[in-house]
Amino acid sequence: MANHSTEEKMESKVDSTLDRMSQDKKEDILSNFDHFKEYLGNKVSLADKLGMNEEQQAKAAQKVGDYLAAHEEPKNREEKLLYELWKAGNKDEQHMFSHMLVKLVHAES
């Protein structure tokens, strides 16, 4: 039961962070794929420091992916590909894709 509460808190924190982010900040992050990877890498690094395991990080990344797919237009070719892959996948595939994104930024840091 405590794990469920931890997941709910993490989801709430992701929602809160996305809601508070200014449109200018979103534009800056999404304007360039390298900026997006850098931002994601910083968040994954923070999650590592907070003791979140890869599964928790992937769930947070999936939450962000759901948000981006629903609220933001892709700003470049790489983001368009990510968007199309995200939309083509079911929830399980999106979750695995989230794991891959976490691994990508881990490998680059």
N, C-alpha and C. Protein backbone atom coordinates (compact mmCIF):
# COMPACT_ATOMS: atom_id res chain seq x y z
N MET A 1 0.82 -1.20 0.00
CA MET A 1 0.00 0.00 0.00
C MET A 1 0.86 1.27 0.00
N ALA A 2 1.96 1.24 0.74
CA ALA A 2 2.84 2.41 0.78
C ALA A 2 3.42 2.72 -0.59
N ASN A 3 3.74 1.67 -1.37
CA ASN A 3 4.27 1.88 -2.72
C ASN A 3 3.26 2.60 -3.59
N HIS A 4 1.98 2.24 -3.46
CA HIS A 4 0.94 2.89 -4.23
C HIS A 4 0.89 4.38 -3.88
N SER A 5 1.01 4.71 -2.61
CA SER A 5 1.01 6.09 -2.17
C SER A 5 2.21 6.85 -2.72
N THR A 6 3.37 6.20 -2.76
CA THR A 6 4.58 6.81 -3.32
C THR A 6 4.38 7.11 -4.79
N GLU A 7 3.78 6.19 -5.52
CA GLU A 7 3.51 6.41 -6.95
C GLU A 7 2.54 7.56 -7.15
N GLU A 8 1.51 7.63 -6.31
CA GLU A 8 0.55 8.73 -6.42
C GLU A 8 1.22 10.07 -6.17
N LYS A 9 2.11 10.12 -5.17
CA LYS A 9 2.83 11.36 -4.88
C LYS A 9 3.71 11.75 -6.06
N MET A 10 4.40 10.76 -6.65
CA MET A 10 5.26 11.04 -7.81
C MET A 10 4.42 11.57 -8.97
N GLU A 11 3.30 10.94 -9.24
CA GLU A 11 2.44 11.40 -10.34
C GLU A 11 1.92 12.81 -10.07
N SER A 12 1.56 13.08 -8.83
CA SER A 12 1.07 14.40 -8.47
C SER A 12 2.18 15.44 -8.65
N LYS A 13 3.40 15.10 -8.29
CA LYS A 13 4.53 16.01 -8.43
C LYS A 13 4.82 16.30 -9.90
N VAL A 14 4.76 15.26 -10.74
CA VAL A 14 4.96 15.45 -12.18
C VAL A 14 3.88 16.38 -12.73
N ASP A 15 2.62 16.12 -12.38
CA ASP A 15 1.53 16.98 -12.83
C ASP A 15 1.74 18.42 -12.40
N SER A 16 2.10 18.61 -11.15
CA SER A 16 2.30 19.95 -10.61
C SER A 16 3.43 20.68 -11.33
N THR A 17 4.52 19.98 -11.57
CA THR A 17 5.67 20.58 -12.26
C THR A 17 5.29 21.00 -13.67
N LEU A 18 4.58 20.14 -14.39
CA LEU A 18 4.17 20.45 -15.76
C LEU A 18 3.19 21.62 -15.78
N ASP A 19 2.27 21.66 -14.82
CA ASP A 19 1.29 22.73 -14.77
C ASP A 19 1.93 24.09 -14.47
N ARG A 20 2.98 24.09 -13.65
CA ARG A 20 3.64 25.34 -13.26
C ARG A 20 4.60 25.87 -14.31
N MET A 21 5.03 25.02 -15.21
CA MET A 21 6.04 25.43 -16.17
C MET A 21 5.47 26.45 -17.16
N SER A 22 6.20 27.53 -17.33
CA SER A 22 5.75 28.58 -18.25
C SER A 22 5.84 28.09 -19.69
N GLN A 23 5.06 28.71 -20.55
CA GLN A 23 5.10 28.36 -21.97
C GLN A 23 6.47 28.65 -22.55
N ASP A 24 7.11 29.73 -22.10
CA ASP A 24 8.45 30.07 -22.59
C ASP A 24 9.45 28.97 -22.23
N LYS A 25 9.36 28.46 -21.00
CA LYS A 25 10.26 27.38 -20.57
C LYS A 25 10.02 26.13 -21.41
N LYS A 26 8.76 25.79 -21.65
CA LYS A 26 8.44 24.63 -22.50
C LYS A 26 9.01 24.82 -23.89
N GLU A 27 8.84 26.03 -24.44
CA GLU A 27 9.36 26.32 -25.78
C GLU A 27 10.88 26.15 -25.83
N ASP A 28 11.56 26.62 -24.78
CA ASP A 28 13.01 26.50 -24.72
C ASP A 28 13.43 25.03 -24.69
N ILE A 29 12.76 24.23 -23.89
CA ILE A 29 13.10 22.81 -23.77
C ILE A 29 12.81 22.07 -25.07
N LEU A 30 11.68 22.39 -25.68
CA LEU A 30 11.23 21.64 -26.85
C LEU A 30 11.74 22.19 -28.17
N SER A 31 12.41 23.33 -28.15
CA SER A 31 12.86 23.94 -29.40
C SER A 31 13.96 23.14 -30.09
N ASN A 32 14.66 22.35 -29.34
CA ASN A 32 15.80 21.62 -29.86
C ASN A 32 15.86 20.27 -29.16
N PHE A 33 16.07 19.20 -29.92
CA PHE A 33 16.06 17.86 -29.33
C PHE A 33 17.15 17.70 -28.29
N ASP A 34 18.30 18.32 -28.50
CA ASP A 34 19.37 18.23 -27.50
C ASP A 34 18.96 18.92 -26.20
N HIS A 35 18.21 20.01 -26.29
CA HIS A 35 17.69 20.67 -25.08
C HIS A 35 16.74 19.74 -24.35
N PHE A 36 15.89 19.04 -25.11
CA PHE A 36 14.94 18.10 -24.52
C PHE A 36 15.69 16.98 -23.79
N LYS A 37 16.70 16.42 -24.45
CA LYS A 37 17.47 15.34 -23.81
C LYS A 37 18.21 15.85 -22.58
N GLU A 38 18.74 17.06 -22.66
CA GLU A 38 19.43 17.64 -21.51
C GLU A 38 18.47 17.84 -20.33
N TYR A 39 17.28 18.35 -20.61
CA TYR A 39 16.27 18.55 -19.58
C TYR A 39 15.89 17.20 -18.96
N LEU A 40 15.61 16.22 -19.82
CA LEU A 40 15.24 14.90 -19.32
C LEU A 40 16.39 14.30 -18.52
N GLY A 41 17.61 14.46 -18.99
CA GLY A 41 18.78 13.96 -18.28
C GLY A 41 18.92 14.58 -16.90
N ASN A 42 18.67 15.89 -16.79
CA ASN A 42 18.72 16.56 -15.50
C ASN A 42 17.67 16.01 -14.54
N LYS A 43 16.49 15.75 -15.05
CA LYS A 43 15.42 15.21 -14.21
C LYS A 43 15.72 13.76 -13.79
N VAL A 44 16.30 12.98 -14.68
CA VAL A 44 16.67 11.60 -14.35
C VAL A 44 17.79 11.61 -13.31
N SER A 45 18.74 12.52 -13.46
CA SER A 45 19.82 12.65 -12.48
C SER A 45 19.27 13.00 -11.10
N LEU A 46 18.32 13.93 -11.07
CA LEU A 46 17.68 14.29 -9.82
C LEU A 46 16.94 13.09 -9.22
N ALA A 47 16.25 12.34 -10.06
CA ALA A 47 15.54 11.15 -9.60
C ALA A 47 16.51 10.13 -9.02
N ASP A 48 17.69 9.99 -9.65
CA ASP A 48 18.72 9.09 -9.11
C ASP A 48 19.12 9.53 -7.71
N LYS A 49 19.34 10.83 -7.55
CA LYS A 49 19.76 11.37 -6.25
C LYS A 49 18.68 11.19 -5.19
N LEU A 50 17.42 11.19 -5.61
CA LEU A 50 16.31 11.01 -4.68
C LEU A 50 16.05 9.53 -4.38
N GLY A 51 16.82 8.66 -5.04
CA GLY A 51 16.69 7.23 -4.79
C GLY A 51 15.60 6.53 -5.58
N MET A 52 15.10 7.19 -6.61
CA MET A 52 14.08 6.54 -7.45
C MET A 52 14.74 5.48 -8.31
N ASN A 53 14.11 4.31 -8.41
CA ASN A 53 14.66 3.27 -9.26
C ASN A 53 14.22 3.48 -10.70
N GLU A 54 14.73 2.66 -11.59
CA GLU A 54 14.44 2.83 -13.02
C GLU A 54 12.94 2.72 -13.31
N GLU A 55 12.26 1.83 -12.63
CA GLU A 55 10.82 1.67 -12.86
C GLU A 55 10.07 2.96 -12.50
N GLN A 56 10.41 3.55 -11.37
CA GLN A 56 9.77 4.80 -10.96
C GLN A 56 10.10 5.92 -11.95
N GLN A 57 11.33 5.95 -12.42
CA GLN A 57 11.73 6.96 -13.39
C GLN A 57 10.97 6.77 -14.70
N ALA A 58 10.80 5.52 -15.13
CA ALA A 58 10.07 5.25 -16.36
C ALA A 58 8.61 5.66 -16.22
N LYS A 59 8.02 5.43 -15.05
CA LYS A 59 6.63 5.85 -14.84
C LYS A 59 6.51 7.37 -14.91
N ALA A 60 7.49 8.08 -14.35
CA ALA A 60 7.47 9.54 -14.43
C ALA A 60 7.65 9.99 -15.88
N ALA A 61 8.57 9.34 -16.61
CA ALA A 61 8.79 9.67 -18.02
C ALA A 61 7.53 9.39 -18.84
N GLN A 62 6.82 8.32 -18.51
CA GLN A 62 5.59 7.99 -19.21
C GLN A 62 4.54 9.07 -18.96
N LYS A 63 4.47 9.55 -17.75
CA LYS A 63 3.53 10.63 -17.42
C LYS A 63 3.84 11.88 -18.24
N VAL A 64 5.14 12.20 -18.36
CA VAL A 64 5.55 13.35 -19.16
C VAL A 64 5.22 13.11 -20.63
N GLY A 65 5.48 11.89 -21.12
CA GLY A 65 5.16 11.56 -22.50
C GLY A 65 3.68 11.71 -22.80
N ASP A 66 2.84 11.25 -21.87
CA ASP A 66 1.39 11.41 -22.04
C ASP A 66 1.02 12.89 -22.12
N TYR A 67 1.62 13.69 -21.25
CA TYR A 67 1.35 15.13 -21.23
C TYR A 67 1.77 15.77 -22.56
N LEU A 68 3.00 15.48 -22.98
CA LEU A 68 3.50 16.09 -24.21
C LEU A 68 2.65 15.70 -25.41
N ALA A 69 2.27 14.43 -25.49
CA ALA A 69 1.45 13.97 -26.62
C ALA A 69 0.09 14.65 -26.64
N ALA A 70 -0.45 14.96 -25.48
CA ALA A 70 -1.77 15.57 -25.40
C ALA A 70 -1.76 17.10 -25.51
N HIS A 71 -0.64 17.74 -25.12
CA HIS A 71 -0.66 19.20 -25.00
C HIS A 71 0.35 19.98 -25.83
N GLU A 72 1.36 19.32 -26.37
CA GLU A 72 2.42 20.05 -27.06
C GLU A 72 2.60 19.52 -28.48
N GLU A 73 2.83 20.43 -29.40
CA GLU A 73 3.14 20.05 -30.78
C GLU A 73 4.63 19.78 -30.89
N PRO A 74 5.03 18.75 -31.64
CA PRO A 74 6.46 18.51 -31.86
C PRO A 74 7.10 19.72 -32.54
N LYS A 75 8.30 20.08 -32.11
CA LYS A 75 8.98 21.27 -32.62
C LYS A 75 10.08 20.95 -33.63
N ASN A 76 10.40 19.67 -33.78
CA ASN A 76 11.47 19.29 -34.71
C ASN A 76 11.24 17.85 -35.15
N ARG A 77 12.07 17.37 -36.07
CA ARG A 77 11.89 16.03 -36.64
C ARG A 77 11.99 14.94 -35.58
N GLU A 78 12.94 15.08 -34.67
CA GLU A 78 13.13 14.06 -33.64
C GLU A 78 11.90 13.96 -32.73
N GLU A 79 11.38 15.11 -32.34
CA GLU A 79 10.19 15.11 -31.50
C GLU A 79 8.98 14.58 -32.27
N LYS A 80 8.91 14.87 -33.55
CA LYS A 80 7.82 14.33 -34.37
C LYS A 80 7.88 12.81 -34.40
N LEU A 81 9.09 12.25 -34.54
CA LEU A 81 9.24 10.79 -34.51
C LEU A 81 8.83 10.23 -33.15
N LEU A 82 9.29 10.87 -32.07
CA LEU A 82 8.90 10.42 -30.73
C LEU A 82 7.38 10.46 -30.58
N TYR A 83 6.77 11.54 -31.05
CA TYR A 83 5.32 11.70 -30.97
C TYR A 83 4.60 10.58 -31.74
N GLU A 84 5.05 10.31 -32.95
CA GLU A 84 4.41 9.28 -33.77
C GLU A 84 4.56 7.89 -33.14
N LEU A 85 5.76 7.59 -32.62
CA LEU A 85 5.98 6.31 -31.94
C LEU A 85 5.10 6.20 -30.70
N TRP A 86 5.01 7.29 -29.95
CA TRP A 86 4.20 7.30 -28.73
C TRP A 86 2.74 7.02 -29.07
N LYS A 87 2.23 7.73 -30.07
CA LYS A 87 0.82 7.57 -30.46
C LYS A 87 0.54 6.16 -31.02
N ALA A 88 1.53 5.56 -31.67
CA ALA A 88 1.34 4.23 -32.27
C ALA A 88 1.30 3.13 -31.21
N GLY A 89 1.93 3.37 -30.07
CA GLY A 89 2.04 2.34 -29.05
C GLY A 89 0.85 2.30 -28.11
N ASN A 90 0.64 1.11 -27.53
CA ASN A 90 -0.35 1.01 -26.46
C ASN A 90 0.33 1.39 -25.14
N LYS A 91 -0.39 1.34 -24.03
CA LYS A 91 0.18 1.76 -22.74
C LYS A 91 1.42 0.96 -22.37
N ASP A 92 1.41 -0.35 -22.60
CA ASP A 92 2.58 -1.18 -22.28
C ASP A 92 3.78 -0.79 -23.14
N GLU A 93 3.54 -0.55 -24.41
CA GLU A 93 4.64 -0.16 -25.31
C GLU A 93 5.16 1.24 -24.95
N GLN A 94 4.26 2.14 -24.58
CA GLN A 94 4.68 3.47 -24.15
C GLN A 94 5.53 3.36 -22.88
N HIS A 95 5.16 2.45 -21.99
CA HIS A 95 5.94 2.26 -20.76
C HIS A 95 7.34 1.75 -21.09
N MET A 96 7.44 0.81 -22.00
CA MET A 96 8.76 0.30 -22.40
C MET A 96 9.56 1.40 -23.11
N PHE A 97 8.88 2.21 -23.90
CA PHE A 97 9.53 3.33 -24.57
C PHE A 97 10.07 4.32 -23.53
N SER A 98 9.33 4.52 -22.47
CA SER A 98 9.78 5.39 -21.38
C SER A 98 11.06 4.84 -20.76
N HIS A 99 11.11 3.53 -20.56
CA HIS A 99 12.33 2.90 -20.06
C HIS A 99 13.50 3.19 -21.01
N MET A 100 13.24 3.11 -22.29
CA MET A 100 14.30 3.35 -23.28
C MET A 100 14.78 4.80 -23.22
N LEU A 101 13.88 5.74 -23.04
CA LEU A 101 14.28 7.14 -22.93
C LEU A 101 15.12 7.38 -21.68
N VAL A 102 14.74 6.76 -20.57
CA VAL A 102 15.53 6.88 -19.34
C VAL A 102 16.93 6.30 -19.57
N LYS A 103 16.99 5.14 -20.22
CA LYS A 103 18.29 4.52 -20.51
C LYS A 103 19.12 5.40 -21.45
N LEU A 104 18.47 6.02 -22.41
CA LEU A 104 19.17 6.91 -23.35
C LEU A 104 19.88 8.03 -22.61
N VAL A 105 19.17 8.70 -21.72
CA VAL A 105 19.80 9.82 -21.03
C VAL A 105 20.81 9.35 -19.98
N HIS A 106 20.60 8.16 -19.42
CA HIS A 106 21.62 7.60 -18.52
C HIS A 106 22.90 7.34 -19.29
N ALA A 107 22.78 6.79 -20.48
CA ALA A 107 23.95 6.45 -21.30
C ALA A 107 24.73 7.70 -21.72
N GLU A 108 24.03 8.81 -21.87
CA GLU A 108 24.68 10.04 -22.33
C GLU A 108 25.25 10.88 -21.19
N SER A 109 24.95 10.50 -19.97
CA SER A 109 25.45 11.30 -18.84
C SER A 109 26.70 10.70 -18.23
